[in-house]
Amino acid sequence: MKYLRCPKCKVDEKVYEMNIRKESSLAMYNEFNPRVRQTDKLNIYPLYCFICRSVTEWASDPFNSSGKAYKGVEYFQTRKSNKGDLKEIINYADMFGIHSLKSKIRKKMKKPKKKSWFKKLFTD
């Protein structure tokens, strides 16, 4: 598996050093604590997209045994991320000392400040 993809944006990203590259558009986390599907013991991991701010669950399927794999990866549910997901990524980055990932997520968590009604009158 060389690439992961956001199914929503169709953005491919090299897996190698994905979490430490500043220009990376995807982040993989919880590699050592995946969700395990009980029926077949499949390890399912989350993937965060910085472009559309969604989280996609994925699993390695190098031989396309499911018949649904794209480049050796099967993608499952994609959903909009929430603050819990972002906090989970920050905890993961803290645990493994990935400062670049942590700072990218912190920037996404900051909400832009709204202009006051007074500033809106004079800046538009």
PDB file of N, CA and C in Angstrom:
ATOM      1  N   MET A   1       0.842  -1.174   0.000  1.00  0.00           N
ATOM      2  CA  MET A   1       0.000   0.000   0.000  1.00  0.00           C
ATOM      3  C   MET A   1       0.893   1.243   0.000  1.00  0.00           C
ATOM      4  N   LYS A   2       0.843   1.987  -1.084  1.00  0.00           N
ATOM      5  CA  LYS A   2       1.670   3.181  -1.202  1.00  0.00           C
ATOM      6  C   LYS A   2       0.880   4.464  -1.030  1.00  0.00           C
ATOM      7  N   TYR A   3      -0.415   4.408  -1.333  1.00  0.00           N
ATOM      8  CA  TYR A   3      -1.245   5.604  -1.302  1.00  0.00           C
ATOM      9  C   TYR A   3      -2.525   5.370  -0.511  1.00  0.00           C
ATOM     10  N   LEU A   4      -3.015   6.440   0.101  1.00  0.00           N
ATOM     11  CA  LEU A   4      -4.361   6.468   0.661  1.00  0.00           C
ATOM     12  C   LEU A   4      -5.105   7.583  -0.049  1.00  0.00           C
ATOM     13  N   ARG A   5      -6.423   7.495  -0.053  1.00  0.00           N
ATOM     14  CA  ARG A   5      -7.226   8.453  -0.814  1.00  0.00           C
ATOM     15  C   ARG A   5      -8.431   8.889   0.004  1.00  0.00           C
ATOM     16  N   CYS A   6      -8.777  10.156  -0.110  1.00  0.00           N
ATOM     17  CA  CYS A   6     -10.035  10.637   0.452  1.00  0.00           C
ATOM     18  C   CYS A   6     -11.111  10.336  -0.584  1.00  0.00           C
ATOM     19  N   PRO A   7     -12.065   9.461  -0.257  1.00  0.00           N
ATOM     20  CA  PRO A   7     -13.107   9.121  -1.237  1.00  0.00           C
ATOM     21  C   PRO A   7     -13.984  10.302  -1.617  1.00  0.00           C
ATOM     22  N   LYS A   8     -14.089  11.268  -0.737  1.00  0.00           N
ATOM     23  CA  LYS A   8     -14.939  12.431  -1.001  1.00  0.00           C
ATOM     24  C   LYS A   8     -14.259  13.411  -1.949  1.00  0.00           C
ATOM     25  N   CYS A   9     -13.002  13.741  -1.687  1.00  0.00           N
ATOM     26  CA  CYS A   9     -12.254  14.721  -2.498  1.00  0.00           C
ATOM     27  C   CYS A   9     -11.516  14.095  -3.675  1.00  0.00           C
ATOM     28  N   LYS A  10     -11.314  12.784  -3.628  1.00  0.00           N
ATOM     29  CA  LYS A  10     -10.527  12.049  -4.629  1.00  0.00           C
ATOM     30  C   LYS A  10      -9.060  12.479  -4.614  1.00  0.00           C
ATOM     31  N   VAL A  11      -8.550  12.844  -3.440  1.00  0.00           N
ATOM     32  CA  VAL A  11      -7.162  13.252  -3.275  1.00  0.00           C
ATOM     33  C   VAL A  11      -6.348  12.047  -2.848  1.00  0.00           C
ATOM     34  N   ASP A  12      -5.300  11.712  -3.612  1.00  0.00           N
ATOM     35  CA  ASP A  12      -4.379  10.636  -3.254  1.00  0.00           C
ATOM     36  C   ASP A  12      -3.204  11.229  -2.495  1.00  0.00           C
ATOM     37  N   GLU A  13      -2.712  10.486  -1.522  1.00  0.00           N
ATOM     38  CA  GLU A  13      -1.587  10.946  -0.712  1.00  0.00           C
ATOM     39  C   GLU A  13      -0.652   9.780  -0.469  1.00  0.00           C
ATOM     40  N   LYS A  14       0.651  10.009  -0.617  1.00  0.00           N
ATOM     41  CA  LYS A  14       1.634   8.977  -0.300  1.00  0.00           C
ATOM     42  C   LYS A  14       1.593   8.687   1.193  1.00  0.00           C
ATOM     43  N   VAL A  15       1.578   7.409   1.533  1.00  0.00           N
ATOM     44  CA  VAL A  15       1.515   7.004   2.932  1.00  0.00           C
ATOM     45  C   VAL A  15       2.835   7.296   3.640  1.00  0.00           C
ATOM     46  N   TYR A  16       3.938   7.165   2.920  1.00  0.00           N
ATOM     47  CA  TYR A  16       5.258   7.366   3.508  1.00  0.00           C
ATOM     48  C   TYR A  16       5.377   8.778   4.088  1.00  0.00           C
ATOM     49  N   GLU A  17       5.611   8.887   5.379  1.00  0.00           N
ATOM     50  CA  GLU A  17       5.765  10.143   6.107  1.00  0.00           C
ATOM     51  C   GLU A  17       4.552  11.072   5.962  1.00  0.00           C
ATOM     52  N   MET A  18       3.380  10.500   5.797  1.00  0.00           N
ATOM     53  CA  MET A  18       2.161  11.284   5.610  1.00  0.00           C
ATOM     54  C   MET A  18       1.908  12.250   6.765  1.00  0.00           C
ATOM     55  N   ASN A  19       2.089  11.796   7.981  1.00  0.00           N
ATOM     56  CA  ASN A  19       1.752  12.615   9.141  1.00  0.00           C
ATOM     57  C   ASN A  19       2.781  13.685   9.473  1.00  0.00           C
ATOM     58  N   ILE A  20       3.965  13.602   8.899  1.00  0.00           N
ATOM     59  CA  ILE A  20       4.984  14.604   9.241  1.00  0.00           C
ATOM     60  C   ILE A  20       5.251  15.601   8.114  1.00  0.00           C
ATOM     61  N   ARG A  21       4.722  15.343   6.921  1.00  0.00           N
ATOM     62  CA  ARG A  21       4.901  16.295   5.823  1.00  0.00           C
ATOM     63  C   ARG A  21       3.938  17.460   5.984  1.00  0.00           C
ATOM     64  N   LYS A  22       4.443  18.674   5.900  1.00  0.00           N
ATOM     65  CA  LYS A  22       3.611  19.871   6.078  1.00  0.00           C
ATOM     66  C   LYS A  22       2.584  20.020   4.969  1.00  0.00           C
ATOM     67  N   GLU A  23       2.912  19.589   3.761  1.00  0.00           N
ATOM     68  CA  GLU A  23       1.997  19.754   2.626  1.00  0.00           C
ATOM     69  C   GLU A  23       1.004  18.604   2.487  1.00  0.00           C
ATOM     70  N   SER A  24       1.042  17.656   3.383  1.00  0.00           N
ATOM     71  CA  SER A  24       0.140  16.506   3.321  1.00  0.00           C
ATOM     72  C   SER A  24      -1.316  16.944   3.498  1.00  0.00           C
ATOM     73  N   SER A  25      -2.201  16.359   2.708  1.00  0.00           N
ATOM     74  CA  SER A  25      -3.624  16.709   2.799  1.00  0.00           C
ATOM     75  C   SER A  25      -4.429  15.665   3.568  1.00  0.00           C
ATOM     76  N   LEU A  26      -3.799  14.556   3.950  1.00  0.00           N
ATOM     77  CA  LEU A  26      -4.462  13.507   4.726  1.00  0.00           C
ATOM     78  C   LEU A  26      -3.626  13.179   5.963  1.00  0.00           C
ATOM     79  N   ALA A  27      -4.302  12.694   6.996  1.00  0.00           N
ATOM     80  CA  ALA A  27      -3.609  12.260   8.214  1.00  0.00           C
ATOM     81  C   ALA A  27      -4.182  10.919   8.647  1.00  0.00           C
ATOM     82  N   MET A  28      -3.294   9.996   8.933  1.00  0.00           N
ATOM     83  CA  MET A  28      -3.681   8.674   9.408  1.00  0.00           C
ATOM     84  C   MET A  28      -3.386   8.642  10.906  1.00  0.00           C
ATOM     85  N   TYR A  29      -4.320   8.080  11.696  1.00  0.00           N
ATOM     86  CA  TYR A  29      -4.094   8.026  13.136  1.00  0.00           C
ATOM     87  C   TYR A  29      -4.693   6.749  13.713  1.00  0.00           C
ATOM     88  N   ASN A  30      -4.387   6.509  15.001  1.00  0.00           N
ATOM     89  CA  ASN A  30      -4.805   5.289  15.715  1.00  0.00           C
ATOM     90  C   ASN A  30      -4.305   4.016  15.035  1.00  0.00           C
ATOM     91  N   GLU A  31      -3.096   4.073  14.525  1.00  0.00           N
ATOM     92  CA  GLU A  31      -2.526   2.907  13.858  1.00  0.00           C
ATOM     93  C   GLU A  31      -2.347   1.716  14.798  1.00  0.00           C
ATOM     94  N   PHE A  32      -2.101   1.999  16.080  1.00  0.00           N
ATOM     95  CA  PHE A  32      -1.839   0.918  17.024  1.00  0.00           C
ATOM     96  C   PHE A  32      -3.066   0.559  17.866  1.00  0.00           C
ATOM     97  N   ASN A  33      -4.194   1.207  17.560  1.00  0.00           N
ATOM     98  CA  ASN A  33      -5.433   0.916  18.275  1.00  0.00           C
ATOM     99  C   ASN A  33      -6.610   0.964  17.294  1.00  0.00           C
ATOM    100  N   PRO A  34      -6.608   0.100  16.276  1.00  0.00           N
ATOM    101  CA  PRO A  34      -7.675   0.155  15.271  1.00  0.00           C
ATOM    102  C   PRO A  34      -8.991  -0.404  15.816  1.00  0.00           C
ATOM    103  N   ARG A  35     -10.055  -0.061  15.120  1.00  0.00           N
ATOM    104  CA  ARG A  35     -11.347  -0.687  15.411  1.00  0.00           C
ATOM    105  C   ARG A  35     -11.306  -2.053  14.729  1.00  0.00           C
ATOM    106  N   VAL A  36     -11.731  -3.084  15.422  1.00  0.00           N
ATOM    107  CA  VAL A  36     -11.694  -4.443  14.873  1.00  0.00           C
ATOM    108  C   VAL A  36     -13.120  -4.896  14.597  1.00  0.00           C
ATOM    109  N   ARG A  37     -13.384  -5.236  13.337  1.00  0.00           N
ATOM    110  CA  ARG A  37     -14.705  -5.742  12.972  1.00  0.00           C
ATOM    111  C   ARG A  37     -14.821  -7.176  13.466  1.00  0.00           C
ATOM    112  N   GLN A  38     -15.860  -7.444  14.238  1.00  0.00           N
ATOM    113  CA  GLN A  38     -16.006  -8.734  14.905  1.00  0.00           C
ATOM    114  C   GLN A  38     -16.231  -9.899  13.946  1.00  0.00           C
ATOM    115  N   THR A  39     -16.902  -9.666  12.829  1.00  0.00           N
ATOM    116  CA  THR A  39     -17.234 -10.766  11.918  1.00  0.00           C
ATOM    117  C   THR A  39     -16.007 -11.420  11.304  1.00  0.00           C
ATOM    118  N   ASP A  40     -15.014 -10.613  10.908  1.00  0.00           N
ATOM    119  CA  ASP A  40     -13.838 -11.178  10.243  1.00  0.00           C
ATOM    120  C   ASP A  40     -12.511 -10.710  10.832  1.00  0.00           C
ATOM    121  N   LYS A  41     -12.576 -10.023  11.976  1.00  0.00           N
ATOM    122  CA  LYS A  41     -11.375  -9.536  12.692  1.00  0.00           C
ATOM    123  C   LYS A  41     -10.542  -8.566  11.840  1.00  0.00           C
ATOM    124  N   LEU A  42     -11.197  -7.830  10.960  1.00  0.00           N
ATOM    125  CA  LEU A  42     -10.530  -6.866  10.092  1.00  0.00           C
ATOM    126  C   LEU A  42     -10.181  -5.613  10.888  1.00  0.00           C
ATOM    127  N   ASN A  43      -8.941  -5.132  10.772  1.00  0.00           N
ATOM    128  CA  ASN A  43      -8.513  -3.892  11.419  1.00  0.00           C
ATOM    129  C   ASN A  43      -8.932  -2.706  10.564  1.00  0.00           C
ATOM    130  N   ILE A  44      -9.697  -1.795  11.149  1.00  0.00           N
ATOM    131  CA  ILE A  44     -10.211  -0.629  10.438  1.00  0.00           C
ATOM    132  C   ILE A  44      -9.644   0.628  11.092  1.00  0.00           C
ATOM    133  N   TYR A  45      -9.057   1.485  10.262  1.00  0.00           N
ATOM    134  CA  TYR A  45      -8.374   2.678  10.738  1.00  0.00           C
ATOM    135  C   TYR A  45      -9.086   3.947  10.250  1.00  0.00           C
ATOM    136  N   PRO A  46      -8.953   5.050  11.009  1.00  0.00           N
ATOM    137  CA  PRO A  46      -9.511   6.315  10.553  1.00  0.00           C
ATOM    138  C   PRO A  46      -8.490   7.119   9.749  1.00  0.00           C
ATOM    139  N   LEU A  47      -9.000   7.920   8.828  1.00  0.00           N
ATOM    140  CA  LEU A  47      -8.185   8.780   7.970  1.00  0.00           C
ATOM    141  C   LEU A  47      -8.848  10.154   7.931  1.00  0.00           C
ATOM    142  N   TYR A  48      -8.098  11.202   8.259  1.00  0.00           N
ATOM    143  CA  TYR A  48      -8.640  12.561   8.280  1.00  0.00           C
ATOM    144  C   TYR A  48      -8.187  13.315   7.036  1.00  0.00           C
ATOM    145  N   CYS A  49      -9.121  14.027   6.393  1.00  0.00           N
ATOM    146  CA  CYS A  49      -8.803  14.841   5.222  1.00  0.00           C
ATOM    147  C   CYS A  49      -8.822  16.310   5.618  1.00  0.00           C
ATOM    148  N   PHE A  50      -7.712  17.009   5.388  1.00  0.00           N
ATOM    149  CA  PHE A  50      -7.619  18.429   5.712  1.00  0.00           C
ATOM    150  C   PHE A  50      -8.396  19.297   4.722  1.00  0.00           C
ATOM    151  N   ILE A  51      -8.693  18.786   3.553  1.00  0.00           N
ATOM    152  CA  ILE A  51      -9.391  19.568   2.531  1.00  0.00           C
ATOM    153  C   ILE A  51     -10.889  19.632   2.824  1.00  0.00           C
ATOM    154  N   CYS A  52     -11.529  18.484   2.965  1.00  0.00           N
ATOM    155  CA  CYS A  52     -12.987  18.467   3.186  1.00  0.00           C
ATOM    156  C   CYS A  52     -13.356  18.276   4.657  1.00  0.00           C
ATOM    157  N   ARG A  53     -12.355  18.103   5.507  1.00  0.00           N
ATOM    158  CA  ARG A  53     -12.547  17.940   6.945  1.00  0.00           C
ATOM    159  C   ARG A  53     -13.437  16.745   7.283  1.00  0.00           C
ATOM    160  N   SER A  54     -13.222  15.660   6.583  1.00  0.00           N
ATOM    161  CA  SER A  54     -14.004  14.451   6.838  1.00  0.00           C
ATOM    162  C   SER A  54     -13.098  13.340   7.368  1.00  0.00           C
ATOM    163  N   VAL A  55     -13.716  12.340   7.972  1.00  0.00           N
ATOM    164  CA  VAL A  55     -13.015  11.167   8.479  1.00  0.00           C
ATOM    165  C   VAL A  55     -13.552   9.957   7.715  1.00  0.00           C
ATOM    166  N   THR A  56     -12.645   9.159   7.181  1.00  0.00           N
ATOM    167  CA  THR A  56     -13.002   7.959   6.431  1.00  0.00           C
ATOM    168  C   THR A  56     -12.380   6.749   7.105  1.00  0.00           C
ATOM    169  N   GLU A  57     -13.150   5.699   7.246  1.00  0.00           N
ATOM    170  CA  GLU A  57     -12.613   4.446   7.769  1.00  0.00           C
ATOM    171  C   GLU A  57     -12.083   3.621   6.604  1.00  0.00           C
ATOM    172  N   TRP A  58     -10.938   2.969   6.808  1.00  0.00           N
ATOM    173  CA  TRP A  58     -10.318   2.185   5.747  1.00  0.00           C
ATOM    174  C   TRP A  58      -9.624   0.959   6.336  1.00  0.00           C
ATOM    175  N   ALA A  59      -9.369  -0.006   5.470  1.00  0.00           N
ATOM    176  CA  ALA A  59      -8.636  -1.216   5.840  1.00  0.00           C
ATOM    177  C   ALA A  59      -7.783  -1.647   4.661  1.00  0.00           C
ATOM    178  N   SER A  60      -6.673  -2.264   4.964  1.00  0.00           N
ATOM    179  CA  SER A  60      -5.790  -2.782   3.920  1.00  0.00           C
ATOM    180  C   SER A  60      -6.425  -4.018   3.289  1.00  0.00           C
ATOM    181  N   ASP A  61      -6.431  -4.051   1.961  1.00  0.00           N
ATOM    182  CA  ASP A  61      -6.969  -5.188   1.201  1.00  0.00           C
ATOM    183  C   ASP A  61      -6.101  -5.360  -0.049  1.00  0.00           C
ATOM    184  N   PRO A  62      -4.841  -5.792   0.122  1.00  0.00           N
ATOM    185  CA  PRO A  62      -3.901  -5.822  -0.999  1.00  0.00           C
ATOM    186  C   PRO A  62      -4.282  -6.762  -2.134  1.00  0.00           C
ATOM    187  N   PHE A  63      -5.053  -7.793  -1.846  1.00  0.00           N
ATOM    188  CA  PHE A  63      -5.437  -8.746  -2.893  1.00  0.00           C
ATOM    189  C   PHE A  63      -6.864  -8.541  -3.382  1.00  0.00           C
ATOM    190  N   ASN A  64      -7.495  -7.457  -2.951  1.00  0.00           N
ATOM    191  CA  ASN A  64      -8.864  -7.115  -3.328  1.00  0.00           C
ATOM    192  C   ASN A  64      -9.817  -8.289  -3.092  1.00  0.00           C
ATOM    193  N   SER A  65      -9.689  -8.901  -1.940  1.00  0.00           N
ATOM    194  CA  SER A  65     -10.559 -10.037  -1.610  1.00  0.00           C
ATOM    195  C   SER A  65     -12.010  -9.592  -1.425  1.00  0.00           C
ATOM    196  N   SER A  66     -12.227  -8.326  -1.130  1.00  0.00           N
ATOM    197  CA  SER A  66     -13.592  -7.821  -0.976  1.00  0.00           C
ATOM    198  C   SER A  66     -14.217  -7.473  -2.323  1.00  0.00           C
ATOM    199  N   GLY A  67     -13.377  -7.247  -3.323  1.00  0.00           N
ATOM    200  CA  GLY A  67     -13.869  -6.810  -4.629  1.00  0.00           C
ATOM    201  C   GLY A  67     -14.197  -5.325  -4.661  1.00  0.00           C
ATOM    202  N   LYS A  68     -13.894  -4.618  -3.573  1.00  0.00           N
ATOM    203  CA  LYS A  68     -14.214  -3.186  -3.471  1.00  0.00           C
ATOM    204  C   LYS A  68     -12.974  -2.325  -3.229  1.00  0.00           C
ATOM    205  N   ALA A  69     -11.808  -2.917  -3.265  1.00  0.00           N
ATOM    206  CA  ALA A  69     -10.585  -2.190  -2.934  1.00  0.00           C
ATOM    207  C   ALA A  69     -10.134  -1.298  -4.081  1.00  0.00           C
ATOM    208  N   TYR A  70      -9.513  -0.184  -3.711  1.00  0.00           N
ATOM    209  CA  TYR A  70      -8.901   0.735  -4.665  1.00  0.00           C
ATOM    210  C   TYR A  70      -7.427   0.818  -4.304  1.00  0.00           C
ATOM    211  N   LYS A  71      -6.564   0.350  -5.195  1.00  0.00           N
ATOM    212  CA  LYS A  71      -5.112   0.331  -4.972  1.00  0.00           C
ATOM    213  C   LYS A  71      -4.737  -0.331  -3.644  1.00  0.00           C
ATOM    214  N   GLY A  72      -5.389  -1.451  -3.331  1.00  0.00           N
ATOM    215  CA  GLY A  72      -5.032  -2.214  -2.143  1.00  0.00           C
ATOM    216  C   GLY A  72      -5.667  -1.745  -0.849  1.00  0.00           C
ATOM    217  N   VAL A  73      -6.645  -0.835  -0.947  1.00  0.00           N
ATOM    218  CA  VAL A  73      -7.294  -0.312   0.250  1.00  0.00           C
ATOM    219  C   VAL A  73      -8.809  -0.328   0.042  1.00  0.00           C
ATOM    220  N   GLU A  74      -9.519  -0.825   1.049  1.00  0.00           N
ATOM    221  CA  GLU A  74     -10.980  -0.764   0.998  1.00  0.00           C
ATOM    222  C   GLU A  74     -11.437   0.370   1.906  1.00  0.00           C
ATOM    223  N   TYR A  75     -12.304   1.234   1.383  1.00  0.00           N
ATOM    224  CA  TYR A  75     -12.820   2.376   2.135  1.00  0.00           C
ATOM    225  C   TYR A  75     -14.245   2.095   2.567  1.00  0.00           C
ATOM    226  N   PHE A  76     -14.564   2.529   3.772  1.00  0.00           N
ATOM    227  CA  PHE A  76     -15.890   2.296   4.327  1.00  0.00           C
ATOM    228  C   PHE A  76     -16.611   3.635   4.482  1.00  0.00           C
ATOM    229  N   GLN A  77     -17.115   3.887   5.631  1.00  0.00           N
ATOM    230  CA  GLN A  77     -17.914   5.075   5.916  1.00  0.00           C
ATOM    231  C   GLN A  77     -17.069   6.355   5.909  1.00  0.00           C
ATOM    232  N   THR A  78     -17.593   7.401   5.249  1.00  0.00           N
ATOM    233  CA  THR A  78     -17.003   8.737   5.301  1.00  0.00           C
ATOM    234  C   THR A  78     -18.022   9.647   5.947  1.00  0.00           C
ATOM    235  N   ARG A  79     -17.556  10.440   6.913  1.00  0.00           N
ATOM    236  CA  ARG A  79     -18.446  11.354   7.616  1.00  0.00           C
ATOM    237  C   ARG A  79     -17.724  12.652   7.940  1.00  0.00           C
ATOM    238  N   LYS A  80     -18.482  13.675   8.246  1.00  0.00           N
ATOM    239  CA  LYS A  80     -17.907  14.954   8.634  1.00  0.00           C
ATOM    240  C   LYS A  80     -17.219  14.786   9.986  1.00  0.00           C
ATOM    241  N   SER A  81     -16.044  15.373  10.140  1.00  0.00           N
ATOM    242  CA  SER A  81     -15.318  15.255  11.406  1.00  0.00           C
ATOM    243  C   SER A  81     -15.968  16.142  12.467  1.00  0.00           C
ATOM    244  N   ASN A  82     -15.675  15.836  13.716  1.00  0.00           N
ATOM    245  CA  ASN A  82     -16.164  16.650  14.822  1.00  0.00           C
ATOM    246  C   ASN A  82     -14.998  16.956  15.757  1.00  0.00           C
ATOM    247  N   LYS A  83     -15.252  17.712  16.811  1.00  0.00           N
ATOM    248  CA  LYS A  83     -14.170  18.081  17.733  1.00  0.00           C
ATOM    249  C   LYS A  83     -13.561  16.861  18.412  1.00  0.00           C
ATOM    250  N   GLY A  84     -14.368  15.841  18.642  1.00  0.00           N
ATOM    251  CA  GLY A  84     -13.848  14.613  19.249  1.00  0.00           C
ATOM    252  C   GLY A  84     -12.795  13.956  18.372  1.00  0.00           C
ATOM    253  N   ASP A  85     -13.028  13.958  17.058  1.00  0.00           N
ATOM    254  CA  ASP A  85     -12.042  13.394  16.124  1.00  0.00           C
ATOM    255  C   ASP A  85     -10.749  14.192  16.171  1.00  0.00           C
ATOM    256  N   LEU A  86     -10.875  15.518  16.164  1.00  0.00           N
ATOM    257  CA  LEU A  86      -9.688  16.371  16.176  1.00  0.00           C
ATOM    258  C   LEU A  86      -8.906  16.211  17.472  1.00  0.00           C
ATOM    259  N   LYS A  87      -9.609  16.093  18.589  1.00  0.00           N
ATOM    260  CA  LYS A  87      -8.929  15.871  19.866  1.00  0.00           C
ATOM    261  C   LYS A  87      -8.227  14.517  19.877  1.00  0.00           C
ATOM    262  N   GLU A  88      -8.847  13.523  19.262  1.00  0.00           N
ATOM    263  CA  GLU A  88      -8.243  12.198  19.168  1.00  0.00           C
ATOM    264  C   GLU A  88      -6.943  12.252  18.348  1.00  0.00           C
ATOM    265  N   ILE A  89      -6.947  13.035  17.278  1.00  0.00           N
ATOM    266  CA  ILE A  89      -5.735  13.192  16.457  1.00  0.00           C
ATOM    267  C   ILE A  89      -4.654  13.915  17.256  1.00  0.00           C
ATOM    268  N   ILE A  90      -5.037  14.939  18.007  1.00  0.00           N
ATOM    269  CA  ILE A  90      -4.060  15.671  18.831  1.00  0.00           C
ATOM    270  C   ILE A  90      -3.463  14.748  19.890  1.00  0.00           C
ATOM    271  N   ASN A  91      -4.278  13.935  20.537  1.00  0.00           N
ATOM    272  CA  ASN A  91      -3.764  12.980  21.532  1.00  0.00           C
ATOM    273  C   ASN A  91      -2.798  11.992  20.886  1.00  0.00           C
ATOM    274  N   TYR A  92      -3.150  11.522  19.699  1.00  0.00           N
ATOM    275  CA  TYR A  92      -2.273  10.610  18.952  1.00  0.00           C
ATOM    276  C   TYR A  92      -0.940  11.298  18.629  1.00  0.00           C
ATOM    277  N   ALA A  93      -1.014  12.551  18.156  1.00  0.00           N
ATOM    278  CA  ALA A  93       0.203  13.297  17.814  1.00  0.00           C
ATOM    279  C   ALA A  93       1.058  13.546  19.056  1.00  0.00           C
ATOM    280  N   ASP A  94       0.435  13.833  20.197  1.00  0.00           N
ATOM    281  CA  ASP A  94       1.170  14.013  21.456  1.00  0.00           C
ATOM    282  C   ASP A  94       1.864  12.725  21.874  1.00  0.00           C
ATOM    283  N   MET A  95       1.139  11.628  21.767  1.00  0.00           N
ATOM    284  CA  MET A  95       1.668  10.332  22.199  1.00  0.00           C
ATOM    285  C   MET A  95       2.915   9.937  21.412  1.00  0.00           C
ATOM    286  N   PHE A  96       2.937  10.264  20.112  1.00  0.00           N
ATOM    287  CA  PHE A  96       4.059   9.854  19.271  1.00  0.00           C
ATOM    288  C   PHE A  96       4.980  11.012  18.884  1.00  0.00           C
ATOM    289  N   GLY A  97       4.770  12.183  19.459  1.00  0.00           N
ATOM    290  CA  GLY A  97       5.654  13.331  19.227  1.00  0.00           C
ATOM    291  C   GLY A  97       5.620  13.864  17.805  1.00  0.00           C
ATOM    292  N   ILE A  98       4.454  13.862  17.188  1.00  0.00           N
ATOM    293  CA  ILE A  98       4.317  14.363  15.816  1.00  0.00           C
ATOM    294  C   ILE A  98       3.818  15.814  15.883  1.00  0.00           C
ATOM    295  N   HIS A  99       4.742  16.734  16.082  1.00  0.00           N
ATOM    296  CA  HIS A  99       4.395  18.143  16.310  1.00  0.00           C
ATOM    297  C   HIS A  99       3.788  18.812  15.083  1.00  0.00           C
ATOM    298  N   SER A 100       4.240  18.434  13.897  1.00  0.00           N
ATOM    299  CA  SER A 100       3.694  19.050  12.684  1.00  0.00           C
ATOM    300  C   SER A 100       2.215  18.701  12.509  1.00  0.00           C
ATOM    301  N   LEU A 101       1.833  17.479  12.801  1.00  0.00           N
ATOM    302  CA  LEU A 101       0.427  17.065  12.709  1.00  0.00           C
ATOM    303  C   LEU A 101      -0.404  17.798  13.750  1.00  0.00           C
ATOM    304  N   LYS A 102       0.120  17.909  14.945  1.00  0.00           N
ATOM    305  CA  LYS A 102      -0.596  18.595  16.020  1.00  0.00           C
ATOM    306  C   LYS A 102      -0.860  20.057  15.662  1.00  0.00           C
ATOM    307  N   SER A 103       0.135  20.735  15.119  1.00  0.00           N
ATOM    308  CA  SER A 103      -0.049  22.148  14.773  1.00  0.00           C
ATOM    309  C   SER A 103      -1.034  22.316  13.619  1.00  0.00           C
ATOM    310  N   LYS A 104      -1.032  21.388  12.653  1.00  0.00           N
ATOM    311  CA  LYS A 104      -2.000  21.466  11.545  1.00  0.00           C
ATOM    312  C   LYS A 104      -3.429  21.298  12.061  1.00  0.00           C
ATOM    313  N   ILE A 105      -3.632  20.393  12.987  1.00  0.00           N
ATOM    314  CA  ILE A 105      -4.962  20.163  13.545  1.00  0.00           C
ATOM    315  C   ILE A 105      -5.387  21.356  14.398  1.00  0.00           C
ATOM    316  N   ARG A 106      -4.483  21.897  15.176  1.00  0.00           N
ATOM    317  CA  ARG A 106      -4.819  23.076  16.002  1.00  0.00           C
ATOM    318  C   ARG A 106      -5.290  24.234  15.130  1.00  0.00           C
ATOM    319  N   LYS A 107      -4.659  24.421  13.973  1.00  0.00           N
ATOM    320  CA  LYS A 107      -5.083  25.486  13.053  1.00  0.00           C
ATOM    321  C   LYS A 107      -6.496  25.239  12.544  1.00  0.00           C
ATOM    322  N   LYS A 108      -6.846  23.971  12.308  1.00  0.00           N
ATOM    323  CA  LYS A 108      -8.190  23.627  11.826  1.00  0.00           C
ATOM    324  C   LYS A 108      -9.242  23.836  12.909  1.00  0.00           C
ATOM    325  N   MET A 109      -8.829  23.717  14.180  1.00  0.00           N
ATOM    326  CA  MET A 109      -9.778  23.859  15.275  1.00  0.00           C
ATOM    327  C   MET A 109     -10.131  25.313  15.563  1.00  0.00           C
ATOM    328  N   LYS A 110      -9.241  26.222  15.191  1.00  0.00           N
ATOM    329  CA  LYS A 110      -9.491  27.640  15.448  1.00  0.00           C
ATOM    330  C   LYS A 110     -10.590  28.148  14.529  1.00  0.00           C
ATOM    331  N   LYS A 111     -11.543  28.814  15.124  1.00  0.00           N
ATOM    332  CA  LYS A 111     -12.621  29.400  14.334  1.00  0.00           C
ATOM    333  C   LYS A 111     -12.227  30.823  13.970  1.00  0.00           C
ATOM    334  N   PRO A 112     -12.530  31.254  12.743  1.00  0.00           N
ATOM    335  CA  PRO A 112     -12.227  32.636  12.395  1.00  0.00           C
ATOM    336  C   PRO A 112     -13.097  33.578  13.230  1.00  0.00           C
ATOM    337  N   LYS A 113     -12.475  34.657  13.670  1.00  0.00           N
ATOM    338  CA  LYS A 113     -13.211  35.620  14.485  1.00  0.00           C
ATOM    339  C   LYS A 113     -14.170  36.406  13.608  1.00  0.00           C
ATOM    340  N   LYS A 114     -15.369  36.583  14.126  1.00  0.00           N
ATOM    341  CA  LYS A 114     -16.358  37.347  13.392  1.00  0.00           C
ATOM    342  C   LYS A 114     -16.122  38.834  13.618  1.00  0.00           C
ATOM    343  N   LYS A 115     -16.379  39.611  12.583  1.00  0.00           N
ATOM    344  CA  LYS A 115     -16.255  41.052  12.705  1.00  0.00           C
ATOM    345  C   LYS A 115     -17.449  41.583  13.483  1.00  0.00           C
ATOM    346  N   SER A 116     -17.205  42.570  14.286  1.00  0.00           N
ATOM    347  CA  SER A 116     -18.303  43.198  15.003  1.00  0.00           C
ATOM    348  C   SER A 116     -19.156  43.990  14.013  1.00  0.00           C
ATOM    349  N   TRP A 117     -20.358  44.302  14.387  1.00  0.00           N
ATOM    350  CA  TRP A 117     -21.255  45.052  13.512  1.00  0.00           C
ATOM    351  C   TRP A 117     -20.653  46.412  13.176  1.00  0.00           C
ATOM    352  N   PHE A 118     -19.876  46.971  14.119  1.00  0.00           N
ATOM    353  CA  PHE A 118     -19.264  48.287  13.906  1.00  0.00           C
ATOM    354  C   PHE A 118     -18.176  48.213  12.827  1.00  0.00           C
ATOM    355  N   LYS A 119     -17.338  47.177  12.878  1.00  0.00           N
ATOM    356  CA  LYS A 119     -16.280  47.006  11.884  1.00  0.00           C
ATOM    357  C   LYS A 119     -16.862  46.689  10.515  1.00  0.00           C
ATOM    358  N   LYS A 120     -17.964  45.939  10.484  1.00  0.00           N
ATOM    359  CA  LYS A 120     -18.603  45.621   9.213  1.00  0.00           C
ATOM    360  C   LYS A 120     -19.092  46.870   8.494  1.00  0.00           C
ATOM    361  N   LEU A 121     -19.543  47.853   9.251  1.00  0.00           N
ATOM    362  CA  LEU A 121     -20.035  49.106   8.669  1.00  0.00           C
ATOM    363  C   LEU A 121     -18.927  49.840   7.905  1.00  0.00           C
ATOM    364  N   PHE A 122     -17.734  49.836   8.455  1.00  0.00           N
ATOM    365  CA  PHE A 122     -16.665  50.653   7.904  1.00  0.00           C
ATOM    366  C   PHE A 122     -15.640  49.910   7.042  1.00  0.00           C
ATOM    367  N   THR A 123     -15.704  48.573   6.998  1.00  0.00           N
ATOM    368  CA  THR A 123     -14.731  47.833   6.197  1.00  0.00           C
ATOM    369  C   THR A 123     -15.311  47.357   4.877  1.00  0.00           C
ATOM    370  N   ASP A 124     -16.599  47.288   4.735  1.00  0.00           N
ATOM    371  CA  ASP A 124     -17.202  46.811   3.479  1.00  0.00           C
ATOM    372  C   ASP A 124     -17.389  47.892   2.470  1.00  0.00           C
TER     373      ASP A 124
END
